[in-house]
Amino acid sequence: MGKPIVAIVGRPNVGKSTLFNKLAGKRISIVEDTPGVTRDRIYAEADWLKYNFTIIDTGGIEPESSDVIVSQMRRQAQIAIEMADVIIFIVDGKEGITPADEEVAHMLRKSKKSIVLAVNKIDRVALQENIYEFYNLGIGDPIAISASQGLSLGDMLDEVVEYFKDNEDALLKEERVNIAFVGKPNVGKSSLINKLLGENRVIVSNIPGTTRDAIDSFLDTEEGKFTLIDTAGLRRKSKVKEEIERYSVIRTYASIEKADVCILMIDAEEGISEQDEKIIGYAHDLNKAILVIVNKWDLIEKDDKTMYKFKNDIKVKLAFMPYAKFLFISAKTGQRVHKVLSLAKECYANYSKRIKTGVLNDVISKAIMMKEPPVMGTRRLKIYYATQVATKAPTFILFVNDTGCVHFSYKRYLENKLRENFDFSGTGIKVEFRERKE
């Protein structure tokens, strides 16, 4: 069947190349305001959710032109349309429908291909109403986007990949989840990794500092594909004397940056320490997915409230990251070790989650109705529009009248509302504010 091909078509200067570059993740097509800059088809690989596909940028279609170059561009676009499995028909939301748009729409309807209609340059809430006239093209439901700002491209791609469901060649190979095991020396990081791998891959010893480097192990299971990163235990700076150990500290922080999920391992007998807080605080600052594992739970005398009390004590000390998931295990006996990867996968799924723009704005609107934005000086904060611009970690931009009116308590309130409505347990999220004029 082959990998799906997605062609981006439309009349000149509607933002095809800007969209192409955004989807390709790099500047391949030349972006100019001069019509006809892109004269040929340009190809790139792209992926979205669990699908990968080829995208084609085409020269702008000008059906009525007698110019030789323009007619060649039209032919190139027609070839791309014939090759494509899905067509993104891009129009200019600021200019509205033009005769050229109607001609292109007529060509596309005749092609009988799957078409997604993207109304570009909708970068302000005031322009949202502009999309409705594009229903007159008879192509289907228009989707408002801003290629230059990357707004609502996820919603558009959701529609594109809907057409790939029967194409097995489109499916991405399952990606590896990078899991970094961090914590003080001798808390059982290497023992747990060996238990998960089912082999003595990493040296296990009671001598602190046995693991000097970050060691990667690859594990494929029914839960998915994982890279398990065993890191050197981090000690207080005053105890870091050897030069080799200083490099180990640097490599541990580098492993946290590389990881999708960070697992903080705590010794049940010793409890949580300042150093543990510092290690996982670094992962929190990077908005990583986080799982806290209490190891050596078999050594603790317990009653029916022991785990509850222990977890509460940790939560108080890690109050800056209330979203973290918890697990109590014994790497030595294997108690609950089978839950480690499934919980890590849950954290990763939330770390990779994308929310549709319409649903997101409904939640934000209800939150504003329940609690009015604050007044700073003489101005009240106004929130116009929200969009998710990234995953890993989920990142949201809220367009407002004045970023100076954003109080930290209201930002926290909105973050909590997002967490209440969407399951982001086990992962950090980012909420940023941007003035609409930006």
Protein backbone atom coordinates (compact mmCIF):
# COMPACT_ATOMS: atom_id res chain seq x y z
CA MET A 1 0.00 0.00 0.00
CA GLY A 2 2.92 2.35 0.76
CA LYS A 3 3.32 5.24 3.15
CA PRO A 4 0.50 7.82 2.80
CA ILE A 5 1.18 11.00 0.85
CA VAL A 6 -0.31 14.32 1.96
CA ALA A 7 -0.25 17.20 -0.55
CA ILE A 8 -0.60 20.83 0.55
CA VAL A 9 -2.37 22.76 -2.20
CA GLY A 10 -3.95 26.18 -2.67
CA ARG A 11 -3.56 29.38 -4.62
CA PRO A 12 -0.29 31.37 -4.30
CA ASN A 13 0.68 33.13 -1.07
CA VAL A 14 -1.81 31.52 1.32
CA GLY A 15 0.92 30.02 3.55
CA LYS A 16 1.52 26.57 2.00
CA SER A 17 5.29 26.67 2.44
CA THR A 18 5.02 28.04 5.99
CA LEU A 19 2.74 25.13 6.89
CA PHE A 20 5.03 22.65 5.10
CA ASN A 21 8.08 23.90 7.05
CA LYS A 22 6.15 23.70 10.32
CA LEU A 23 5.11 20.10 9.68
CA ALA A 24 8.56 19.10 8.43
CA GLY A 25 10.15 20.63 11.53
CA LYS A 26 12.73 22.59 9.56
CA ARG A 27 12.91 25.29 6.91
CA ILE A 28 12.91 23.44 3.58
CA SER A 29 10.64 25.57 1.43
CA ILE A 30 11.55 29.22 0.83
CA VAL A 31 8.97 31.45 2.49
CA GLU A 32 8.37 34.78 0.72
CA ASP A 33 5.43 37.09 0.20
CA THR A 34 5.98 36.93 -3.57
CA PRO A 35 3.49 34.64 -5.36
CA GLY A 36 5.17 31.78 -7.22
CA VAL A 37 8.28 31.35 -5.06
CA THR A 38 7.59 27.60 -4.67
CA ARG A 39 7.54 26.37 -8.27
CA ASP A 40 8.08 22.64 -7.81
CA ARG A 41 6.95 19.87 -5.56
CA ILE A 42 9.06 19.54 -2.42
CA TYR A 43 8.93 16.42 -0.23
CA ALA A 44 9.55 15.75 3.47
CA GLU A 45 8.76 13.09 6.04
CA ALA A 46 6.40 13.91 8.90
CA ASP A 47 4.63 12.08 11.69
CA TRP A 48 1.64 12.62 13.93
CA LEU A 49 0.35 10.47 16.78
CA LYS A 50 1.08 6.87 15.71
CA TYR A 51 1.30 7.59 11.98
CA ASN A 52 4.07 8.66 9.62
CA PHE A 53 3.58 10.03 6.13
CA THR A 54 5.12 12.04 3.29
CA ILE A 55 4.13 15.67 2.80
CA ILE A 56 4.39 17.54 -0.51
CA ASP A 57 4.57 21.31 -0.84
CA THR A 58 3.26 22.53 -4.20
CA GLY A 59 3.42 25.69 -6.24
CA GLY A 60 0.35 27.90 -5.91
CA ILE A 61 -2.43 27.01 -8.36
CA GLU A 62 -3.57 29.86 -10.63
CA PRO A 63 -6.06 28.14 -12.97
CA GLU A 64 -6.70 30.99 -15.40
CA SER A 65 -3.10 32.13 -15.96
CA SER A 66 -1.47 31.82 -19.40
CA ASP A 67 2.03 32.42 -17.98
CA VAL A 68 4.35 29.48 -18.87
CA ILE A 69 5.87 29.17 -15.37
CA VAL A 70 2.44 29.42 -13.73
CA SER A 71 1.03 26.74 -16.04
CA GLN A 72 4.00 24.49 -15.11
CA MET A 73 3.27 25.13 -11.44
CA ARG A 74 -0.35 24.17 -12.06
CA ARG A 75 0.76 20.91 -13.70
CA GLN A 76 3.10 20.13 -10.78
CA ALA A 77 0.23 20.71 -8.35
CA GLN A 78 -2.03 18.43 -10.40
CA ILE A 79 0.60 15.67 -10.27
CA ALA A 80 0.82 16.09 -6.48
CA ILE A 81 -2.98 15.86 -6.22
CA GLU A 82 -2.99 12.67 -8.31
CA MET A 83 -0.27 11.12 -6.12
CA ALA A 84 -1.79 12.19 -2.79
CA ASP A 85 -3.89 10.07 -0.46
CA VAL A 86 -5.01 13.14 1.49
CA ILE A 87 -5.00 16.80 0.41
CA ILE A 88 -4.71 19.77 2.74
CA PHE A 89 -6.46 22.59 0.90
CA ILE A 90 -5.18 25.80 2.46
CA VAL A 91 -6.96 29.15 2.08
CA ASP A 92 -6.38 32.66 3.45
CA GLY A 93 -8.74 33.45 6.34
CA LYS A 94 -7.99 37.18 6.20
CA GLU A 95 -8.72 37.62 2.49
CA GLY A 96 -11.77 35.35 2.36
CA ILE A 97 -12.87 33.31 -0.66
CA THR A 98 -11.43 34.38 -4.01
CA PRO A 99 -12.31 33.15 -7.53
CA ALA A 100 -8.99 31.26 -7.53
CA ASP A 101 -10.04 29.40 -4.33
CA GLU A 102 -13.30 28.40 -6.02
CA GLU A 103 -11.41 27.09 -9.07
CA VAL A 104 -9.03 25.07 -6.87
CA ALA A 105 -11.99 23.70 -4.89
CA HIS A 106 -13.61 22.62 -8.17
CA MET A 107 -10.40 20.79 -9.19
CA LEU A 108 -10.23 19.06 -5.80
CA ARG A 109 -13.87 17.95 -5.83
CA LYS A 110 -13.28 16.35 -9.24
CA SER A 111 -10.22 14.50 -7.85
CA LYS A 112 -12.46 12.50 -5.43
CA LYS A 113 -9.58 12.56 -2.91
CA SER A 114 -9.85 12.94 0.87
CA ILE A 115 -9.61 16.67 1.62
CA VAL A 116 -8.96 18.66 4.80
CA LEU A 117 -9.82 22.35 4.47
CA ALA A 118 -7.42 24.55 6.49
CA VAL A 119 -8.24 28.26 6.89
CA ASN A 120 -4.87 29.89 7.54
CA LYS A 121 -3.85 33.18 9.20
CA ILE A 122 -6.50 32.90 11.95
CA ASP A 123 -4.14 34.11 14.67
CA ARG A 124 -6.62 36.18 16.66
CA VAL A 125 -9.96 35.36 18.26
CA ALA A 126 -11.56 38.23 16.33
CA LEU A 127 -10.81 36.36 13.07
CA GLN A 128 -12.52 33.10 14.15
CA GLU A 129 -15.81 34.11 12.51
CA ASN A 130 -14.01 34.43 9.15
CA ILE A 131 -13.98 30.66 8.68
CA TYR A 132 -17.73 30.26 8.16
CA GLU A 133 -17.81 31.64 4.61
CA PHE A 134 -15.50 28.80 3.54
CA TYR A 135 -18.35 26.31 3.92
CA ASN A 136 -19.45 27.76 0.55
CA LEU A 137 -16.54 25.93 -1.13
CA GLY A 138 -18.38 22.63 -0.61
CA ILE A 139 -15.23 20.89 0.61
CA GLY A 140 -16.30 20.13 4.18
CA ASP A 141 -15.79 21.61 7.64
CA PRO A 142 -13.10 24.32 7.67
CA ILE A 143 -10.44 24.18 10.42
CA ALA A 144 -8.98 27.49 11.64
CA ILE A 145 -5.17 27.45 11.88
CA SER A 146 -2.20 29.78 11.98
CA ALA A 147 0.76 28.14 10.22
CA SER A 148 3.19 30.89 11.25
CA GLN A 149 2.30 30.62 14.96
CA GLY A 150 1.63 26.87 14.94
CA LEU A 151 -1.93 27.30 16.24
CA SER A 152 -4.41 24.41 15.96
CA LEU A 153 -2.14 22.38 13.66
CA GLY A 154 -2.84 19.40 15.94
CA ASP A 155 -6.57 19.64 15.21
CA MET A 156 -5.83 19.76 11.48
CA LEU A 157 -3.49 16.74 11.65
CA ASP A 158 -6.06 14.80 13.69
CA GLU A 159 -8.37 15.14 10.68
CA VAL A 160 -5.60 14.17 8.23
CA VAL A 161 -4.62 10.95 10.01
CA GLU A 162 -8.28 9.89 10.30
CA TYR A 163 -7.91 8.87 6.64
CA PHE A 164 -4.90 6.61 7.41
CA LYS A 165 -6.68 4.09 9.62
CA ASP A 166 -6.73 1.29 7.05
CA ASN A 167 -3.11 1.85 5.99
CA GLU A 168 -0.73 -0.35 8.00
CA ASP A 169 2.30 1.21 6.29
CA ALA A 170 1.39 4.50 7.98
CA LEU A 171 1.83 3.13 11.48
CA LEU A 172 4.95 4.35 13.25
CA LYS A 173 7.16 1.75 14.82
CA GLU A 174 6.41 1.91 18.51
CA GLU A 175 8.63 4.57 20.02
CA ARG A 176 10.87 3.84 22.97
CA VAL A 177 10.05 5.38 26.31
CA ASN A 178 13.22 6.65 27.99
CA ILE A 179 13.09 6.03 31.74
CA ALA A 180 15.81 7.45 34.01
CA PHE A 181 16.16 5.87 37.46
CA VAL A 182 17.49 8.50 39.84
CA GLY A 183 18.14 8.75 43.57
CA LYS A 184 20.84 8.64 46.20
CA PRO A 185 23.51 5.91 46.08
CA ASN A 186 22.50 2.42 47.19
CA VAL A 187 18.69 2.79 47.05
CA GLY A 188 18.33 -0.16 44.67
CA LYS A 189 18.26 1.43 41.20
CA SER A 190 20.53 -1.20 39.66
CA SER A 191 18.72 -4.05 41.46
CA LEU A 192 15.36 -2.90 40.08
CA ILE A 193 16.69 -2.59 36.52
CA ASN A 194 18.19 -6.08 36.72
CA LYS A 195 14.85 -7.40 37.96
CA LEU A 196 13.03 -5.75 35.03
CA LEU A 197 15.61 -7.05 32.54
CA GLY A 198 15.66 -10.53 34.06
CA GLU A 199 19.46 -10.59 33.99
CA ASN A 200 22.41 -9.19 35.92
CA ARG A 201 23.13 -6.41 33.44
CA VAL A 202 24.13 -3.78 36.01
CA ILE A 203 26.61 -4.32 38.86
CA VAL A 204 24.80 -4.52 42.21
CA SER A 205 26.76 -3.85 45.40
CA ASN A 206 26.17 -2.40 48.86
CA ILE A 207 29.09 -0.03 48.29
CA PRO A 208 27.75 3.44 47.40
CA GLY A 209 29.04 4.69 44.06
CA THR A 210 29.23 1.32 42.26
CA THR A 211 27.42 2.83 39.25
CA ARG A 212 29.67 5.64 38.02
CA ASP A 213 28.16 6.23 34.59
CA ALA A 214 24.66 6.42 33.13
CA ILE A 215 24.02 2.95 31.66
CA ASP A 216 21.33 2.36 29.00
CA SER A 217 19.53 -0.98 28.73
CA PHE A 218 16.88 -1.75 26.10
CA LEU A 219 13.79 -3.70 27.05
CA ASP A 220 10.89 -4.79 24.79
CA THR A 221 7.78 -6.09 26.57
CA GLU A 222 4.02 -6.36 26.10
CA GLU A 223 3.83 -2.95 27.81
CA GLY A 224 5.97 -1.40 25.06
CA LYS A 225 9.59 -0.60 24.23
CA PHE A 226 11.72 1.04 26.90
CA THR A 227 15.20 2.39 27.42
CA LEU A 228 16.13 1.96 31.09
CA ILE A 229 18.79 4.45 32.18
CA ASP A 230 20.63 3.58 35.40
CA THR A 231 22.27 6.71 36.81
CA ALA A 232 24.94 7.28 39.40
CA GLY A 233 23.49 8.07 42.82
CA LEU A 234 23.78 11.76 43.58
CA ARG A 235 25.39 12.73 46.88
CA ARG A 236 25.64 16.15 48.51
CA LYS A 237 28.23 18.42 46.88
CA SER A 238 30.39 18.36 50.03
CA LYS A 239 30.80 14.59 49.57
CA VAL A 240 31.63 14.73 45.86
CA LYS A 241 35.40 14.67 45.92
CA GLU A 242 36.70 12.49 43.11
CA GLU A 243 36.90 14.01 39.64
CA ILE A 244 35.25 10.92 38.12
CA GLU A 245 32.31 11.36 40.49
CA ARG A 246 31.88 14.97 39.40
CA TYR A 247 31.43 13.72 35.82
CA SER A 248 28.91 11.16 37.11
CA VAL A 249 26.81 14.01 38.55
CA ILE A 250 26.88 15.83 35.20
CA ARG A 251 25.88 12.64 33.36
CA THR A 252 22.99 12.05 35.77
CA TYR A 253 21.56 15.49 35.06
CA ALA A 254 22.06 14.86 31.32
CA SER A 255 20.13 11.57 31.68
CA ILE A 256 17.24 13.41 33.34
CA GLU A 257 17.14 15.83 30.39
CA LYS A 258 17.13 12.90 27.93
CA ALA A 259 14.39 10.99 29.80
CA ASP A 260 10.65 11.01 29.18
CA VAL A 261 9.89 9.52 32.58
CA CYS A 262 12.02 10.05 35.70
CA ILE A 263 11.70 7.47 38.47
CA LEU A 264 12.88 8.72 41.86
CA MET A 265 13.83 5.78 44.04
CA ILE A 266 13.66 6.22 47.81
CA ASP A 267 14.97 3.86 50.49
CA ALA A 268 12.00 2.92 52.70
CA GLU A 269 14.23 2.67 55.79
CA GLU A 270 15.84 6.07 55.30
CA GLY A 271 12.84 7.99 53.94
CA ILE A 272 13.05 11.03 51.68
CA SER A 273 16.01 13.40 51.98
CA GLU A 274 16.91 16.91 50.84
CA GLN A 275 19.06 15.36 48.13
CA ASP A 276 16.06 13.38 46.83
CA GLU A 277 14.05 16.62 46.68
CA LYS A 278 16.85 18.32 44.77
CA ILE A 279 17.23 15.49 42.23
CA ILE A 280 13.54 15.21 41.41
CA GLY A 281 13.15 19.00 41.60
CA TYR A 282 15.40 19.21 38.55
CA ALA A 283 13.12 16.81 36.65
CA HIS A 284 10.09 18.83 37.83
CA ASP A 285 11.66 22.06 36.51
CA LEU A 286 11.97 20.34 33.12
CA ASN A 287 8.28 19.25 33.30
CA LYS A 288 9.16 15.58 32.97
CA ALA A 289 6.81 12.71 33.74
CA ILE A 290 7.56 11.56 37.29
CA LEU A 291 7.04 8.34 39.24
CA VAL A 292 8.20 8.01 42.87
CA ILE A 293 9.15 4.46 43.90
CA VAL A 294 9.72 3.53 47.54
CA ASN A 295 12.05 0.52 47.52
CA LYS A 296 12.92 -2.02 50.28
CA TRP A 297 9.30 -1.97 51.45
CA ASP A 298 9.76 -5.58 52.62
CA LEU A 299 12.04 -4.35 55.43
CA ILE A 300 9.39 -2.13 57.03
CA GLU A 301 7.13 -3.29 59.87
CA LYS A 302 3.66 -2.44 58.71
CA ASP A 303 0.07 -2.04 59.75
CA ASP A 304 -2.91 -1.01 57.62
CA LYS A 305 -1.94 2.71 57.80
CA THR A 306 1.84 2.52 57.27
CA MET A 307 1.78 3.07 53.50
CA TYR A 308 -0.76 5.89 53.80
CA LYS A 309 1.38 7.71 56.42
CA PHE A 310 4.59 7.19 54.44
CA LYS A 311 3.02 8.48 51.22
CA ASN A 312 1.61 11.54 53.01
CA ASP A 313 5.05 12.34 54.45
CA ILE A 314 6.58 12.20 50.95
CA LYS A 315 3.77 14.34 49.50
CA VAL A 316 4.39 17.05 52.10
CA LYS A 317 8.09 17.19 51.21
CA LEU A 318 7.36 17.04 47.46
CA ALA A 319 4.44 19.50 47.64
CA PHE A 320 5.81 21.31 44.57
CA MET A 321 4.81 18.32 42.38
CA PRO A 322 1.45 16.99 43.62
CA TYR A 323 0.88 15.25 40.27
CA ALA A 324 3.53 12.52 40.83
CA LYS A 325 2.49 8.87 40.92
CA PHE A 326 3.67 6.54 43.72
CA LEU A 327 4.58 2.86 44.00
CA PHE A 328 5.89 0.80 46.95
CA ILE A 329 8.07 -2.16 45.94
CA SER A 330 10.85 -4.52 46.90
CA ALA A 331 13.38 -4.98 44.10
CA LYS A 332 14.93 -7.80 46.13
CA THR A 333 11.78 -9.92 46.54
CA GLY A 334 10.03 -8.72 43.38
CA GLN A 335 7.04 -7.28 45.28
CA ARG A 336 4.98 -5.08 42.88
CA VAL A 337 7.93 -4.83 40.44
CA HIS A 338 5.55 -5.93 37.67
CA LYS A 339 3.68 -2.61 38.08
CA VAL A 340 6.73 -0.39 37.39
CA LEU A 341 6.58 -0.38 33.59
CA SER A 342 2.78 -0.12 33.36
CA LEU A 343 2.78 2.92 35.67
CA ALA A 344 5.69 4.47 33.76
CA LYS A 345 3.72 3.94 30.52
CA GLU A 346 0.68 5.70 32.06
CA CYS A 347 2.87 8.66 33.02
CA TYR A 348 4.30 8.73 29.48
CA ALA A 349 0.83 8.64 27.88
CA ASN A 350 -0.18 11.74 29.87
CA TYR A 351 3.18 13.37 29.10
CA SER A 352 2.42 12.89 25.38
CA LYS A 353 -1.27 13.86 25.56
CA ARG A 354 -2.82 16.41 23.18
CA ILE A 355 -6.11 18.22 23.82
CA LYS A 356 -8.28 19.47 20.95
CA THR A 357 -8.45 23.26 20.77
CA GLY A 358 -12.25 23.44 20.97
CA VAL A 359 -12.43 21.22 24.08
CA LEU A 360 -9.55 23.16 25.68
CA ASN A 361 -11.28 26.51 25.16
CA ASP A 362 -14.55 25.16 26.60
CA VAL A 363 -12.73 24.22 29.82
CA ILE A 364 -10.93 27.58 30.04
CA SER A 365 -14.20 29.48 29.40
CA LYS A 366 -15.98 27.57 32.19
CA ALA A 367 -13.04 28.20 34.55
CA ILE A 368 -13.24 31.95 33.83
CA MET A 369 -17.01 31.93 34.49
CA MET A 370 -16.47 30.18 37.83
CA LYS A 371 -13.71 32.54 38.95
CA GLU A 372 -13.29 35.94 37.33
CA PRO A 373 -9.73 36.90 36.31
CA PRO A 374 -7.96 39.31 38.68
CA VAL A 375 -7.59 43.08 38.40
CA MET A 376 -4.01 44.35 38.51
CA GLY A 377 -3.91 48.12 39.03
CA THR A 378 -6.67 49.48 36.81
CA ARG A 379 -6.75 46.60 34.30
CA ARG A 380 -8.57 43.29 34.45
CA LEU A 381 -7.02 40.23 32.84
CA LYS A 382 -8.87 39.10 29.72
CA ILE A 383 -8.26 35.64 28.26
CA TYR A 384 -9.17 35.46 24.58
CA TYR A 385 -8.08 32.06 23.38
CA ALA A 386 -6.11 28.96 24.41
CA THR A 387 -4.21 26.41 22.36
CA GLN A 388 -1.86 23.51 23.00
CA VAL A 389 1.43 24.08 21.17
CA ALA A 390 3.44 21.05 22.26
CA THR A 391 3.46 17.65 23.95
CA LYS A 392 6.20 16.06 26.06
CA ALA A 393 5.41 18.02 28.27
CA PRO A 394 1.91 19.29 27.39
CA THR A 395 2.34 23.03 26.76
CA PHE A 396 -0.53 25.50 26.56
CA ILE A 397 -0.49 29.15 25.45
CA LEU A 398 -3.26 31.48 26.58
CA PHE A 399 -3.65 34.70 24.60
CA VAL A 400 -4.47 37.62 26.89
CA ASN A 401 -4.80 41.42 26.83
CA ASP A 402 -1.88 42.06 29.20
CA THR A 403 0.60 39.53 30.63
CA GLY A 404 1.26 41.98 33.47
CA CYS A 405 -2.26 41.21 34.77
CA VAL A 406 -1.49 37.50 35.24
CA HIS A 407 -1.23 36.73 38.95
CA PHE A 408 0.58 33.50 39.90
CA SER A 409 -2.45 32.35 41.94
CA TYR A 410 -4.74 32.63 38.91
CA LYS A 411 -2.23 30.80 36.75
CA ARG A 412 -2.17 28.00 39.33
CA TYR A 413 -5.99 28.02 39.39
CA LEU A 414 -6.11 27.49 35.60
CA GLU A 415 -3.46 24.74 35.78
CA ASN A 416 -5.57 22.98 38.42
CA LYS A 417 -8.67 23.26 36.22
CA LEU A 418 -6.75 21.68 33.33
CA ARG A 419 -5.71 18.82 35.61
CA GLU A 420 -9.28 18.40 36.89
CA ASN A 421 -10.67 18.07 33.37
CA PHE A 422 -7.87 16.14 31.67
CA ASP A 423 -5.83 13.35 33.22
CA PHE A 424 -2.32 14.77 33.54
CA SER A 425 -1.40 12.65 36.57
CA GLY A 426 2.24 11.69 36.56
CA THR A 427 3.43 14.56 34.35
CA GLY A 428 4.28 18.22 34.55
CA ILE A 429 2.46 20.67 32.28
CA LYS A 430 3.34 24.18 31.10
CA VAL A 431 0.91 27.08 30.94
CA GLU A 432 2.24 30.24 29.31
CA PHE A 433 0.59 33.58 28.62
CA ARG A 434 1.11 35.70 25.54
CA GLU A 435 -0.32 39.09 24.63
CA ARG A 436 -2.50 38.89 21.57
CA LYS A 437 -0.49 41.53 19.71
CA GLU A 438 2.56 39.24 19.93
